[in-house]
N, C-alpha and C. Protein backbone atom coordinates (compact mmCIF):
# COMPACT_ATOMS: atom_id res chain seq x y z
N MET A 1 52.20 31.67 -14.34
CA MET A 1 51.59 30.72 -15.34
C MET A 1 50.21 30.29 -14.86
N LYS A 2 50.13 29.94 -13.59
CA LYS A 2 48.74 29.57 -13.08
C LYS A 2 47.74 30.67 -13.21
N LYS A 3 48.24 31.94 -13.09
CA LYS A 3 47.32 33.04 -13.18
C LYS A 3 46.79 33.15 -14.60
N TRP A 4 47.73 32.85 -15.60
CA TRP A 4 47.27 33.01 -17.04
C TRP A 4 46.23 31.86 -17.36
N ILE A 5 46.56 30.68 -16.80
CA ILE A 5 45.71 29.50 -17.02
C ILE A 5 44.25 29.86 -16.52
N PHE A 6 44.27 30.39 -15.33
CA PHE A 6 43.03 30.80 -14.68
C PHE A 6 42.25 31.73 -15.57
N LEU A 7 43.00 32.89 -16.00
CA LEU A 7 42.34 33.84 -16.84
C LEU A 7 41.73 33.32 -18.10
N LEU A 8 42.53 32.39 -18.71
CA LEU A 8 42.09 31.73 -19.96
C LEU A 8 40.85 30.96 -19.73
N ALA A 9 40.86 30.16 -18.62
CA ALA A 9 39.66 29.34 -18.25
C ALA A 9 38.44 30.24 -18.10
N ALA A 10 38.60 31.33 -17.39
CA ALA A 10 37.56 32.21 -17.13
C ALA A 10 37.03 32.81 -18.45
N PHE A 11 37.93 33.25 -19.34
CA PHE A 11 37.51 33.73 -20.62
C PHE A 11 36.80 32.76 -21.44
N LEU A 12 37.25 31.52 -21.47
CA LEU A 12 36.53 30.48 -22.29
C LEU A 12 35.20 30.18 -21.67
N PHE A 13 35.04 30.17 -20.35
CA PHE A 13 33.74 30.00 -19.74
C PHE A 13 32.78 31.15 -20.09
N ALA A 14 33.31 32.37 -20.05
CA ALA A 14 32.45 33.47 -20.47
C ALA A 14 31.94 33.45 -21.84
N VAL A 15 32.89 33.09 -22.78
CA VAL A 15 32.45 32.92 -24.21
C VAL A 15 31.46 31.79 -24.35
N THR A 16 31.76 30.64 -23.81
CA THR A 16 30.76 29.50 -23.87
C THR A 16 29.44 29.93 -23.32
N THR A 17 29.42 30.64 -22.19
CA THR A 17 28.09 31.03 -21.66
C THR A 17 27.36 31.92 -22.63
N ALA A 18 28.09 32.89 -23.17
CA ALA A 18 27.54 33.84 -24.13
C ALA A 18 26.86 33.10 -25.32
N PHE A 19 27.57 32.15 -25.88
CA PHE A 19 27.04 31.42 -26.96
C PHE A 19 25.86 30.58 -26.53
N ALA A 20 25.89 30.06 -25.30
CA ALA A 20 24.79 29.24 -24.79
C ALA A 20 23.59 30.10 -24.61
N ASP A 21 23.69 31.37 -24.14
CA ASP A 21 22.59 32.27 -24.05
C ASP A 21 21.93 32.60 -25.36
N ASP A 22 22.77 32.67 -26.39
CA ASP A 22 22.38 33.00 -27.70
C ASP A 22 21.61 31.90 -28.45
N ALA A 23 21.78 30.68 -27.95
CA ALA A 23 21.18 29.44 -28.61
C ALA A 23 19.68 29.50 -28.25
N LEU A 24 18.86 29.74 -29.31
CA LEU A 24 17.40 29.79 -29.13
C LEU A 24 16.80 28.47 -29.44
N ASP A 25 15.61 28.35 -28.83
CA ASP A 25 14.82 27.12 -29.13
C ASP A 25 14.45 27.14 -30.64
N PRO A 26 14.61 26.09 -31.35
CA PRO A 26 14.36 26.05 -32.69
C PRO A 26 12.88 26.51 -33.05
N ALA A 27 11.98 26.32 -32.16
CA ALA A 27 10.60 26.83 -32.44
C ALA A 27 10.56 28.31 -32.38
N ILE A 28 11.39 28.98 -31.65
CA ILE A 28 11.43 30.45 -31.54
C ILE A 28 12.17 30.93 -32.88
N VAL A 29 13.13 30.19 -33.30
CA VAL A 29 13.85 30.59 -34.51
C VAL A 29 12.84 30.59 -35.68
N GLN A 30 12.09 29.41 -35.75
CA GLN A 30 11.07 29.42 -36.81
C GLN A 30 10.02 30.48 -36.75
N LEU A 31 9.63 30.79 -35.51
CA LEU A 31 8.74 31.88 -35.26
C LEU A 31 9.25 33.28 -35.81
N GLN A 32 10.57 33.45 -35.66
CA GLN A 32 11.20 34.71 -36.12
C GLN A 32 10.98 34.83 -37.61
N HIS A 33 11.27 33.68 -38.27
CA HIS A 33 11.16 33.76 -39.80
C HIS A 33 9.72 33.97 -40.24
N ASP A 34 8.79 33.23 -39.50
CA ASP A 34 7.30 33.40 -39.77
C ASP A 34 6.92 34.82 -39.57
N TRP A 35 7.37 35.44 -38.49
CA TRP A 35 7.11 36.84 -38.19
C TRP A 35 7.59 37.77 -39.35
N ALA A 36 8.81 37.52 -39.81
CA ALA A 36 9.37 38.39 -40.91
C ALA A 36 8.51 38.22 -42.15
N LYS A 37 8.09 36.95 -42.37
CA LYS A 37 7.26 36.72 -43.63
C LYS A 37 5.92 37.45 -43.51
N ALA A 38 5.32 37.35 -42.37
CA ALA A 38 3.99 38.01 -42.17
C ALA A 38 4.12 39.58 -42.14
N ASN A 39 5.25 40.03 -41.54
CA ASN A 39 5.37 41.51 -41.37
C ASN A 39 5.86 42.09 -42.63
N TYR A 40 6.69 41.48 -43.44
CA TYR A 40 7.21 42.14 -44.60
C TYR A 40 6.78 41.62 -45.98
N HIS A 41 6.20 40.46 -45.95
CA HIS A 41 5.86 39.90 -47.28
C HIS A 41 4.44 39.63 -47.53
N ALA A 42 3.64 39.44 -46.42
CA ALA A 42 2.23 39.18 -46.54
C ALA A 42 1.54 40.41 -47.15
N ALA A 43 0.52 40.25 -47.95
CA ALA A 43 -0.25 41.30 -48.48
C ALA A 43 -1.03 41.99 -47.29
N LYS A 44 -1.29 43.26 -47.45
CA LYS A 44 -1.98 43.97 -46.29
C LYS A 44 -3.24 43.26 -45.92
N ASP A 45 -4.06 42.83 -46.84
CA ASP A 45 -5.37 42.21 -46.52
C ASP A 45 -5.19 40.80 -45.96
N GLN A 46 -3.96 40.30 -45.89
CA GLN A 46 -3.71 38.98 -45.38
C GLN A 46 -2.89 38.97 -44.07
N GLN A 47 -2.45 40.23 -43.71
CA GLN A 47 -1.61 40.31 -42.52
C GLN A 47 -2.35 39.91 -41.20
N GLU A 48 -3.60 40.37 -41.12
CA GLU A 48 -4.25 40.10 -39.82
C GLU A 48 -4.40 38.61 -39.64
N ALA A 49 -4.84 37.91 -40.70
CA ALA A 49 -4.96 36.42 -40.57
C ALA A 49 -3.65 35.80 -40.28
N ALA A 50 -2.56 36.25 -40.93
CA ALA A 50 -1.23 35.62 -40.71
C ALA A 50 -0.83 35.85 -39.35
N PHE A 51 -0.95 36.96 -38.77
CA PHE A 51 -0.55 37.25 -37.40
C PHE A 51 -1.45 36.56 -36.35
N LYS A 52 -2.71 36.49 -36.66
CA LYS A 52 -3.63 35.75 -35.71
C LYS A 52 -3.14 34.28 -35.55
N ALA A 53 -2.75 33.61 -36.72
CA ALA A 53 -2.26 32.26 -36.63
C ALA A 53 -0.94 32.21 -35.80
N LEU A 54 -0.09 33.26 -36.03
CA LEU A 54 1.17 33.27 -35.27
C LEU A 54 1.05 33.51 -33.77
N THR A 55 -0.08 34.21 -33.41
CA THR A 55 -0.30 34.39 -32.01
C THR A 55 -0.58 33.09 -31.24
N GLU A 56 -1.27 32.22 -31.93
CA GLU A 56 -1.63 30.94 -31.36
C GLU A 56 -0.29 30.13 -31.26
N LYS A 57 0.48 30.15 -32.26
CA LYS A 57 1.71 29.37 -32.33
C LYS A 57 2.70 29.92 -31.20
N ALA A 58 2.79 31.24 -31.22
CA ALA A 58 3.71 31.87 -30.15
C ALA A 58 3.24 31.51 -28.72
N HIS A 59 1.94 31.54 -28.48
CA HIS A 59 1.46 31.25 -27.08
C HIS A 59 1.73 29.86 -26.73
N GLN A 60 1.74 28.89 -27.68
CA GLN A 60 2.03 27.50 -27.36
C GLN A 60 3.50 27.39 -26.97
N ILE A 61 4.33 28.16 -27.62
CA ILE A 61 5.75 28.14 -27.26
C ILE A 61 6.02 28.60 -25.83
N THR A 62 5.29 29.69 -25.52
CA THR A 62 5.45 30.33 -24.18
C THR A 62 4.91 29.40 -23.17
N ALA A 63 3.75 28.76 -23.48
CA ALA A 63 3.18 27.89 -22.48
C ALA A 63 4.07 26.62 -22.20
N SER A 64 4.78 26.26 -23.14
CA SER A 64 5.76 25.12 -22.94
C SER A 64 7.04 25.53 -22.29
N SER A 65 7.29 26.81 -22.21
CA SER A 65 8.52 27.37 -21.67
C SER A 65 8.18 28.54 -20.77
N PRO A 66 7.41 28.41 -19.80
CA PRO A 66 6.87 29.63 -18.97
C PRO A 66 7.95 30.40 -18.26
N ASP A 67 9.14 29.85 -18.11
CA ASP A 67 10.21 30.54 -17.41
C ASP A 67 11.21 31.12 -18.34
N LYS A 68 10.94 31.11 -19.67
CA LYS A 68 11.92 31.60 -20.68
C LYS A 68 11.52 32.99 -21.14
N ALA A 69 12.38 33.97 -20.85
CA ALA A 69 12.09 35.33 -21.29
C ALA A 69 12.01 35.50 -22.81
N GLU A 70 12.87 34.71 -23.42
CA GLU A 70 12.94 34.78 -24.92
C GLU A 70 11.52 34.40 -25.58
N ALA A 71 10.89 33.44 -25.01
CA ALA A 71 9.59 33.00 -25.52
C ALA A 71 8.54 34.12 -25.25
N MET A 72 8.58 34.69 -24.00
CA MET A 72 7.67 35.75 -23.76
C MET A 72 7.87 36.94 -24.68
N ILE A 73 9.17 37.29 -24.93
CA ILE A 73 9.48 38.45 -25.85
C ILE A 73 8.85 38.25 -27.21
N TRP A 74 9.04 36.98 -27.74
CA TRP A 74 8.60 36.74 -29.14
C TRP A 74 7.08 36.62 -29.18
N GLU A 75 6.37 36.11 -28.14
CA GLU A 75 4.97 36.11 -28.18
C GLU A 75 4.49 37.60 -28.18
N ALA A 76 5.26 38.47 -27.40
CA ALA A 76 4.77 39.88 -27.33
C ALA A 76 5.03 40.55 -28.73
N ILE A 77 6.07 40.22 -29.43
CA ILE A 77 6.37 40.82 -30.72
C ILE A 77 5.28 40.39 -31.73
N VAL A 78 4.85 39.15 -31.59
CA VAL A 78 3.86 38.62 -32.48
C VAL A 78 2.50 39.31 -32.17
N LEU A 79 2.22 39.43 -30.87
CA LEU A 79 1.01 40.16 -30.51
C LEU A 79 0.94 41.63 -30.91
N SER A 80 2.10 42.27 -30.84
CA SER A 80 2.23 43.65 -31.34
C SER A 80 1.96 43.77 -32.82
N GLY A 81 2.51 42.82 -33.58
CA GLY A 81 2.20 42.79 -34.99
C GLY A 81 0.82 42.53 -35.28
N TYR A 82 0.12 41.69 -34.48
CA TYR A 82 -1.30 41.38 -34.65
C TYR A 82 -2.07 42.65 -34.41
N ALA A 83 -1.73 43.38 -33.36
CA ALA A 83 -2.44 44.57 -32.94
C ALA A 83 -2.33 45.59 -34.02
N LYS A 84 -1.10 45.73 -34.62
CA LYS A 84 -0.95 46.68 -35.70
C LYS A 84 -1.74 46.37 -36.96
N ALA A 85 -1.71 45.03 -37.28
CA ALA A 85 -2.48 44.59 -38.46
C ALA A 85 -4.02 44.70 -38.31
N LYS A 86 -4.48 44.48 -37.10
CA LYS A 86 -5.98 44.48 -36.79
C LYS A 86 -6.43 45.92 -36.77
N GLY A 87 -5.66 46.79 -36.01
CA GLY A 87 -6.04 48.19 -35.94
C GLY A 87 -7.31 48.49 -35.14
N GLY A 88 -7.60 49.70 -34.86
CA GLY A 88 -8.73 50.09 -34.08
C GLY A 88 -8.70 49.82 -32.68
N LEU A 89 -9.79 50.03 -31.98
CA LEU A 89 -9.86 49.89 -30.50
C LEU A 89 -9.79 48.42 -30.16
N GLY A 90 -10.18 47.56 -31.04
CA GLY A 90 -10.15 46.13 -30.73
C GLY A 90 -8.74 45.53 -30.71
N ALA A 91 -7.80 46.36 -31.20
CA ALA A 91 -6.37 45.87 -31.16
C ALA A 91 -5.72 46.14 -29.80
N LEU A 92 -6.31 47.08 -28.94
CA LEU A 92 -5.76 47.43 -27.82
C LEU A 92 -5.45 46.35 -26.78
N LYS A 93 -6.35 45.38 -26.70
CA LYS A 93 -6.16 44.33 -25.65
C LYS A 93 -4.96 43.51 -26.06
N PHE A 94 -4.70 43.38 -27.34
CA PHE A 94 -3.49 42.61 -27.77
C PHE A 94 -2.18 43.39 -27.40
N ALA A 95 -2.25 44.67 -27.59
CA ALA A 95 -1.11 45.41 -27.25
C ALA A 95 -0.83 45.44 -25.75
N GLU A 96 -2.00 45.40 -25.00
CA GLU A 96 -1.82 45.27 -23.51
C GLU A 96 -1.23 43.97 -23.12
N GLN A 97 -1.60 42.84 -23.80
CA GLN A 97 -1.09 41.55 -23.55
C GLN A 97 0.46 41.47 -23.82
N ALA A 98 0.78 42.17 -24.88
CA ALA A 98 2.16 42.24 -25.33
C ALA A 98 2.98 43.05 -24.29
N ARG A 99 2.46 44.21 -23.86
CA ARG A 99 3.13 44.88 -22.76
C ARG A 99 3.34 44.09 -21.45
N ASP A 100 2.35 43.35 -21.02
CA ASP A 100 2.44 42.57 -19.86
C ASP A 100 3.45 41.40 -19.99
N LEU A 101 3.47 40.84 -21.15
CA LEU A 101 4.48 39.80 -21.45
C LEU A 101 5.94 40.32 -21.29
N LEU A 102 6.08 41.57 -21.93
CA LEU A 102 7.43 42.08 -21.93
C LEU A 102 7.80 42.53 -20.55
N LEU A 103 7.04 43.08 -19.76
CA LEU A 103 7.28 43.48 -18.31
C LEU A 103 7.65 42.21 -17.51
N ALA A 104 6.85 41.13 -17.83
CA ALA A 104 7.23 39.85 -17.08
C ALA A 104 8.59 39.34 -17.50
N SER A 105 8.87 39.38 -18.77
CA SER A 105 10.20 38.89 -19.23
C SER A 105 11.33 39.69 -18.59
N LEU A 106 11.10 41.01 -18.36
CA LEU A 106 12.24 41.82 -17.76
C LEU A 106 12.52 41.30 -16.33
N LYS A 107 11.53 40.85 -15.65
CA LYS A 107 11.74 40.30 -14.35
C LYS A 107 12.57 39.03 -14.38
N ILE A 108 12.42 38.28 -15.44
CA ILE A 108 13.23 37.05 -15.54
C ILE A 108 14.62 37.25 -16.03
N ASN A 109 14.77 38.04 -17.10
CA ASN A 109 16.09 38.29 -17.70
C ASN A 109 16.01 39.58 -18.59
N PRO A 110 16.42 40.68 -17.90
CA PRO A 110 16.34 41.95 -18.70
C PRO A 110 17.31 42.08 -19.86
N GLN A 111 18.36 41.10 -19.89
CA GLN A 111 19.30 41.10 -20.96
C GLN A 111 18.92 40.17 -22.16
N ALA A 112 17.84 39.44 -22.06
CA ALA A 112 17.50 38.45 -23.01
C ALA A 112 17.36 39.08 -24.39
N LEU A 113 17.82 38.36 -25.37
CA LEU A 113 17.80 38.81 -26.75
C LEU A 113 18.28 40.21 -26.91
N GLN A 114 19.38 40.51 -26.17
CA GLN A 114 20.13 41.81 -26.24
C GLN A 114 19.17 42.97 -25.98
N GLY A 115 18.37 42.80 -24.93
CA GLY A 115 17.45 43.98 -24.50
C GLY A 115 16.29 44.18 -25.48
N SER A 116 15.85 43.06 -26.07
CA SER A 116 14.65 43.24 -26.98
C SER A 116 13.40 43.61 -26.24
N ALA A 117 13.21 43.24 -24.95
CA ALA A 117 12.05 43.60 -24.23
C ALA A 117 11.91 45.10 -24.11
N ASN A 118 13.05 45.72 -23.89
CA ASN A 118 12.98 47.24 -23.71
C ASN A 118 12.70 47.86 -25.01
N THR A 119 13.26 47.33 -26.15
CA THR A 119 13.06 47.89 -27.47
C THR A 119 11.57 47.79 -27.72
N SER A 120 11.01 46.61 -27.51
CA SER A 120 9.56 46.39 -27.94
C SER A 120 8.72 47.23 -27.02
N LEU A 121 8.96 47.30 -25.73
CA LEU A 121 8.21 48.11 -24.83
C LEU A 121 8.19 49.56 -25.18
N GLY A 122 9.43 50.02 -25.48
CA GLY A 122 9.50 51.39 -25.95
C GLY A 122 8.67 51.71 -27.15
N SER A 123 8.67 50.84 -28.12
CA SER A 123 7.85 51.05 -29.35
C SER A 123 6.41 51.05 -28.99
N LEU A 124 5.95 50.09 -28.11
CA LEU A 124 4.57 50.09 -27.78
C LEU A 124 4.15 51.45 -27.12
N TYR A 125 5.00 51.82 -26.13
CA TYR A 125 4.61 53.05 -25.35
C TYR A 125 4.50 54.32 -26.21
N TYR A 126 5.16 54.38 -27.38
CA TYR A 126 4.91 55.63 -28.14
C TYR A 126 4.03 55.45 -29.30
N LYS A 127 3.71 54.11 -29.66
CA LYS A 127 2.77 53.91 -30.79
C LYS A 127 1.30 53.74 -30.31
N VAL A 128 1.09 53.26 -29.06
CA VAL A 128 -0.23 53.01 -28.51
C VAL A 128 -0.76 54.38 -28.06
N PRO A 129 -2.08 54.71 -28.30
CA PRO A 129 -2.62 55.98 -27.79
C PRO A 129 -2.43 56.11 -26.23
N GLY A 130 -2.41 57.44 -25.81
CA GLY A 130 -2.25 57.60 -24.40
C GLY A 130 -3.65 57.62 -23.73
N TRP A 131 -3.55 57.97 -22.43
CA TRP A 131 -4.82 57.93 -21.60
C TRP A 131 -5.68 59.04 -22.19
N PRO A 132 -7.08 58.85 -22.28
CA PRO A 132 -7.80 57.75 -21.56
C PRO A 132 -8.09 56.53 -22.42
N ILE A 133 -7.55 56.52 -23.68
CA ILE A 133 -7.85 55.47 -24.51
C ILE A 133 -6.91 54.24 -24.29
N GLY A 134 -5.60 54.51 -24.20
CA GLY A 134 -4.68 53.48 -24.04
C GLY A 134 -3.66 53.73 -22.98
N PHE A 135 -2.53 52.92 -23.04
CA PHE A 135 -1.40 53.08 -22.00
C PHE A 135 -0.29 53.73 -22.53
N GLY A 136 -0.33 54.41 -23.78
CA GLY A 136 0.77 55.13 -24.34
C GLY A 136 1.38 56.19 -23.41
N ASN A 137 2.68 56.24 -23.46
CA ASN A 137 3.37 57.18 -22.53
C ASN A 137 4.79 57.47 -23.10
N HIS A 138 5.00 58.62 -23.67
CA HIS A 138 6.23 59.00 -24.30
C HIS A 138 7.39 59.00 -23.40
N LYS A 139 7.23 59.42 -22.07
CA LYS A 139 8.29 59.37 -21.19
C LYS A 139 8.82 57.89 -20.98
N LYS A 140 7.86 56.93 -20.79
CA LYS A 140 8.25 55.63 -20.66
C LYS A 140 8.88 55.03 -21.89
N ALA A 141 8.37 55.52 -23.05
CA ALA A 141 8.97 55.05 -24.33
C ALA A 141 10.44 55.45 -24.40
N ARG A 142 10.74 56.70 -24.10
CA ARG A 142 12.14 57.11 -24.15
C ARG A 142 12.97 56.32 -23.17
N GLU A 143 12.50 56.11 -21.96
CA GLU A 143 13.27 55.38 -20.97
C GLU A 143 13.63 54.02 -21.41
N HIS A 144 12.62 53.27 -22.02
CA HIS A 144 12.83 51.90 -22.43
C HIS A 144 13.74 51.89 -23.69
N LEU A 145 13.54 52.76 -24.62
CA LEU A 145 14.37 52.78 -25.87
C LEU A 145 15.80 53.15 -25.51
N GLU A 146 16.11 54.09 -24.64
CA GLU A 146 17.38 54.45 -24.22
C GLU A 146 18.10 53.26 -23.47
N LYS A 147 17.33 52.57 -22.65
CA LYS A 147 17.84 51.38 -22.02
C LYS A 147 18.25 50.31 -22.98
N SER A 148 17.41 50.11 -23.99
CA SER A 148 17.73 49.13 -25.07
C SER A 148 19.05 49.47 -25.79
N LEU A 149 19.31 50.80 -26.00
CA LEU A 149 20.51 51.17 -26.59
C LEU A 149 21.73 51.02 -25.73
N GLN A 150 21.44 51.19 -24.42
CA GLN A 150 22.57 50.89 -23.50
C GLN A 150 23.01 49.44 -23.56
N ILE A 151 22.06 48.53 -23.70
CA ILE A 151 22.39 47.09 -23.74
C ILE A 151 22.92 46.70 -25.13
N ASN A 152 22.37 47.30 -26.19
CA ASN A 152 22.74 46.91 -27.58
C ASN A 152 22.90 48.18 -28.43
N PRO A 153 24.08 48.95 -28.21
CA PRO A 153 24.16 50.21 -28.83
C PRO A 153 24.30 50.17 -30.30
N THR A 154 24.68 49.10 -30.90
CA THR A 154 24.93 49.00 -32.36
C THR A 154 23.82 48.25 -33.05
N GLY A 155 22.80 47.86 -32.35
CA GLY A 155 21.81 46.95 -32.91
C GLY A 155 20.88 47.69 -33.87
N ILE A 156 20.36 47.03 -34.87
CA ILE A 156 19.49 47.62 -35.88
C ILE A 156 18.20 48.03 -35.32
N ASP A 157 17.57 47.21 -34.50
CA ASP A 157 16.23 47.50 -33.99
C ASP A 157 16.30 48.62 -32.98
N PRO A 158 17.19 48.55 -31.94
CA PRO A 158 17.15 49.67 -30.99
C PRO A 158 17.35 51.02 -31.60
N ASN A 159 18.29 51.09 -32.57
CA ASN A 159 18.53 52.37 -33.30
C ASN A 159 17.38 52.80 -34.13
N TYR A 160 16.83 51.85 -34.82
CA TYR A 160 15.66 52.13 -35.73
C TYR A 160 14.48 52.64 -34.84
N PHE A 161 14.13 51.97 -33.84
CA PHE A 161 12.96 52.48 -33.02
C PHE A 161 13.20 53.67 -32.30
N TYR A 162 14.39 53.92 -31.87
CA TYR A 162 14.73 55.20 -31.25
C TYR A 162 14.63 56.37 -32.26
N ALA A 163 15.14 56.12 -33.49
CA ALA A 163 15.06 57.07 -34.50
C ALA A 163 13.57 57.40 -34.82
N ASP A 164 12.81 56.33 -34.92
CA ASP A 164 11.34 56.53 -35.29
C ASP A 164 10.70 57.32 -34.15
N PHE A 165 11.01 57.07 -32.92
CA PHE A 165 10.47 57.81 -31.83
C PHE A 165 10.87 59.24 -31.84
N LEU A 166 12.16 59.47 -32.11
CA LEU A 166 12.62 60.94 -32.22
C LEU A 166 11.89 61.69 -33.33
N LEU A 167 11.65 60.94 -34.38
CA LEU A 167 10.98 61.65 -35.50
C LEU A 167 9.58 61.91 -35.12
N GLU A 168 8.89 61.09 -34.37
CA GLU A 168 7.53 61.44 -33.88
C GLU A 168 7.50 62.51 -32.88
N GLU A 169 8.68 62.70 -32.14
CA GLU A 169 8.86 63.74 -31.21
C GLU A 169 9.20 65.10 -31.87
N GLY A 170 9.45 65.03 -33.15
CA GLY A 170 9.72 66.32 -33.91
C GLY A 170 11.23 66.62 -34.03
N ASP A 171 12.17 65.65 -33.63
CA ASP A 171 13.58 65.89 -33.70
C ASP A 171 14.15 65.22 -34.87
N ALA A 172 13.95 65.74 -36.07
CA ALA A 172 14.29 65.14 -37.41
C ALA A 172 15.81 64.95 -37.48
N ASP A 173 16.58 65.94 -37.02
CA ASP A 173 18.05 65.81 -37.16
C ASP A 173 18.57 64.60 -36.27
N LYS A 174 18.18 64.57 -35.07
CA LYS A 174 18.62 63.42 -34.28
C LYS A 174 18.11 62.10 -34.80
N ALA A 175 16.90 62.14 -35.35
CA ALA A 175 16.31 60.89 -35.94
C ALA A 175 17.11 60.46 -37.01
N ILE A 176 17.56 61.31 -37.96
CA ILE A 176 18.42 60.91 -38.96
C ILE A 176 19.80 60.30 -38.54
N GLU A 177 20.28 60.85 -37.47
CA GLU A 177 21.49 60.25 -36.88
C GLU A 177 21.30 58.82 -36.51
N TYR A 178 20.20 58.52 -35.83
CA TYR A 178 19.99 57.16 -35.36
C TYR A 178 19.49 56.20 -36.45
N PHE A 179 18.80 56.81 -37.52
CA PHE A 179 18.38 55.92 -38.62
C PHE A 179 19.72 55.50 -39.31
N ASN A 180 20.71 56.41 -39.50
CA ASN A 180 21.92 56.01 -40.06
C ASN A 180 22.69 54.99 -39.29
N LYS A 181 22.62 55.14 -37.96
CA LYS A 181 23.23 54.10 -37.04
C LYS A 181 22.56 52.74 -37.32
N ALA A 182 21.30 52.70 -37.42
CA ALA A 182 20.56 51.53 -37.70
C ALA A 182 21.01 50.93 -39.05
N LEU A 183 21.12 51.81 -40.07
CA LEU A 183 21.49 51.36 -41.44
C LEU A 183 22.87 50.77 -41.44
N ASN A 184 23.70 51.16 -40.54
CA ASN A 184 25.09 50.64 -40.58
C ASN A 184 25.34 49.57 -39.46
N ALA A 185 24.21 49.08 -38.93
CA ALA A 185 24.26 48.08 -37.84
C ALA A 185 24.82 46.74 -38.39
N PRO A 186 25.57 45.97 -37.62
CA PRO A 186 26.10 44.75 -38.12
C PRO A 186 24.96 43.72 -38.38
N PRO A 187 25.04 43.00 -39.39
CA PRO A 187 24.07 41.97 -39.77
C PRO A 187 23.86 41.00 -38.68
N ARG A 188 22.66 40.42 -38.61
CA ARG A 188 22.27 39.39 -37.52
C ARG A 188 22.33 38.05 -38.28
N PRO A 189 23.24 37.22 -37.98
CA PRO A 189 23.30 35.89 -38.67
C PRO A 189 22.01 35.10 -38.38
N GLY A 190 21.52 34.58 -39.45
CA GLY A 190 20.18 33.88 -39.31
C GLY A 190 18.95 34.72 -39.32
N ARG A 191 19.19 36.11 -39.31
CA ARG A 191 17.92 37.02 -39.39
C ARG A 191 18.00 37.89 -40.61
N GLU A 192 18.57 37.32 -41.67
CA GLU A 192 18.66 38.12 -42.93
C GLU A 192 17.32 38.61 -43.37
N ASP A 193 16.33 37.88 -43.23
CA ASP A 193 14.98 38.25 -43.73
C ASP A 193 14.49 39.45 -43.03
N ALA A 194 14.70 39.40 -41.60
CA ALA A 194 14.27 40.53 -40.84
C ALA A 194 15.08 41.75 -41.09
N ASP A 195 16.47 41.58 -41.26
CA ASP A 195 17.31 42.76 -41.53
C ASP A 195 17.01 43.40 -42.86
N GLU A 196 16.58 42.63 -43.88
CA GLU A 196 16.23 43.20 -45.23
C GLU A 196 14.93 44.05 -44.99
N GLY A 197 13.99 43.53 -44.33
CA GLY A 197 12.76 44.25 -44.12
C GLY A 197 12.96 45.52 -43.24
N ARG A 198 13.86 45.39 -42.26
CA ARG A 198 14.13 46.54 -41.41
C ARG A 198 14.81 47.58 -42.15
N ARG A 199 15.67 47.32 -43.04
CA ARG A 199 16.38 48.28 -43.83
C ARG A 199 15.49 49.02 -44.68
N ALA A 200 14.44 48.39 -45.21
CA ALA A 200 13.37 49.08 -45.98
C ALA A 200 12.63 50.08 -45.06
N ASP A 201 12.38 49.69 -43.78
CA ASP A 201 11.75 50.53 -42.84
C ASP A 201 12.61 51.86 -42.60
N ILE A 202 13.91 51.54 -42.47
CA ILE A 202 14.92 52.62 -42.23
C ILE A 202 14.92 53.61 -43.38
N ALA A 203 14.95 53.05 -44.62
CA ALA A 203 15.00 53.93 -45.86
C ALA A 203 13.75 54.81 -45.84
N GLU A 204 12.56 54.29 -45.46
CA GLU A 204 11.34 55.03 -45.43
C GLU A 204 11.40 56.16 -44.34
N GLY A 205 11.93 55.68 -43.20
CA GLY A 205 12.06 56.70 -42.05
C GLY A 205 13.02 57.87 -42.42
N LEU A 206 14.10 57.59 -43.14
CA LEU A 206 14.99 58.64 -43.56
C LEU A 206 14.36 59.56 -44.47
N LYS A 207 13.54 59.08 -45.42
CA LYS A 207 12.83 59.98 -46.34
C LYS A 207 11.90 60.94 -45.57
N LYS A 208 11.19 60.43 -44.60
CA LYS A 208 10.26 61.23 -43.79
C LYS A 208 11.04 62.28 -43.00
N ALA A 209 12.14 61.81 -42.44
CA ALA A 209 12.96 62.73 -41.59
C ALA A 209 13.59 63.85 -42.45
N GLU A 210 13.98 63.53 -43.61
CA GLU A 210 14.58 64.60 -44.43
C GLU A 210 13.54 65.57 -44.90
N LYS A 211 12.31 65.18 -45.06
CA LYS A 211 11.30 66.13 -45.49
C LYS A 211 10.90 67.08 -44.28
N LYS A 212 11.13 66.59 -43.03
CA LYS A 212 10.78 67.35 -41.87
C LYS A 212 11.89 68.25 -41.32
N ARG A 213 12.95 68.19 -41.92
CA ARG A 213 14.11 68.98 -41.54
C ARG A 213 13.87 70.44 -41.77
């Protein structure tokens, strides 16, 4: 009887801890929604300004919580969005800042946000140009994306970015496999806006992959 009580107590502690880890700062939750709005709903000619404003907001959150991996990850995601919207060589420094924040977050908590640091690092490493222009590295991209899938094998983002990477590598068949895994990923409560936008990305990726088969 005592053994079962002990096991039940341990289980309840583990569940409580898991939910505590998932509880995000309300400022980060709002940042997630602002990011989805800028990324999926802002007009192309307004995205750069929208992301620039978000970088300042994200940095304030990180500055107020310098030991929180989640804040670092979301500042990095916003910086990556800003770099994409800005484009050109001038965007590289923002991509570098994002990379450095993600690497720093891994030292604090590699499991934070279900391995989102690895997902974002992987995407940066295959999207940024390689040497001598940038830090792009497809070997590192694969390592980080596969690590993110180990942490969160059913997640919509790890499967989407791995599929997109595989498509860029010329493996259309395997890319389709992972695009479909992303499409069938469980919904993220509170992230419905991001999930809707990501599914549109997946649909576009599947079309490209089918054409390259």
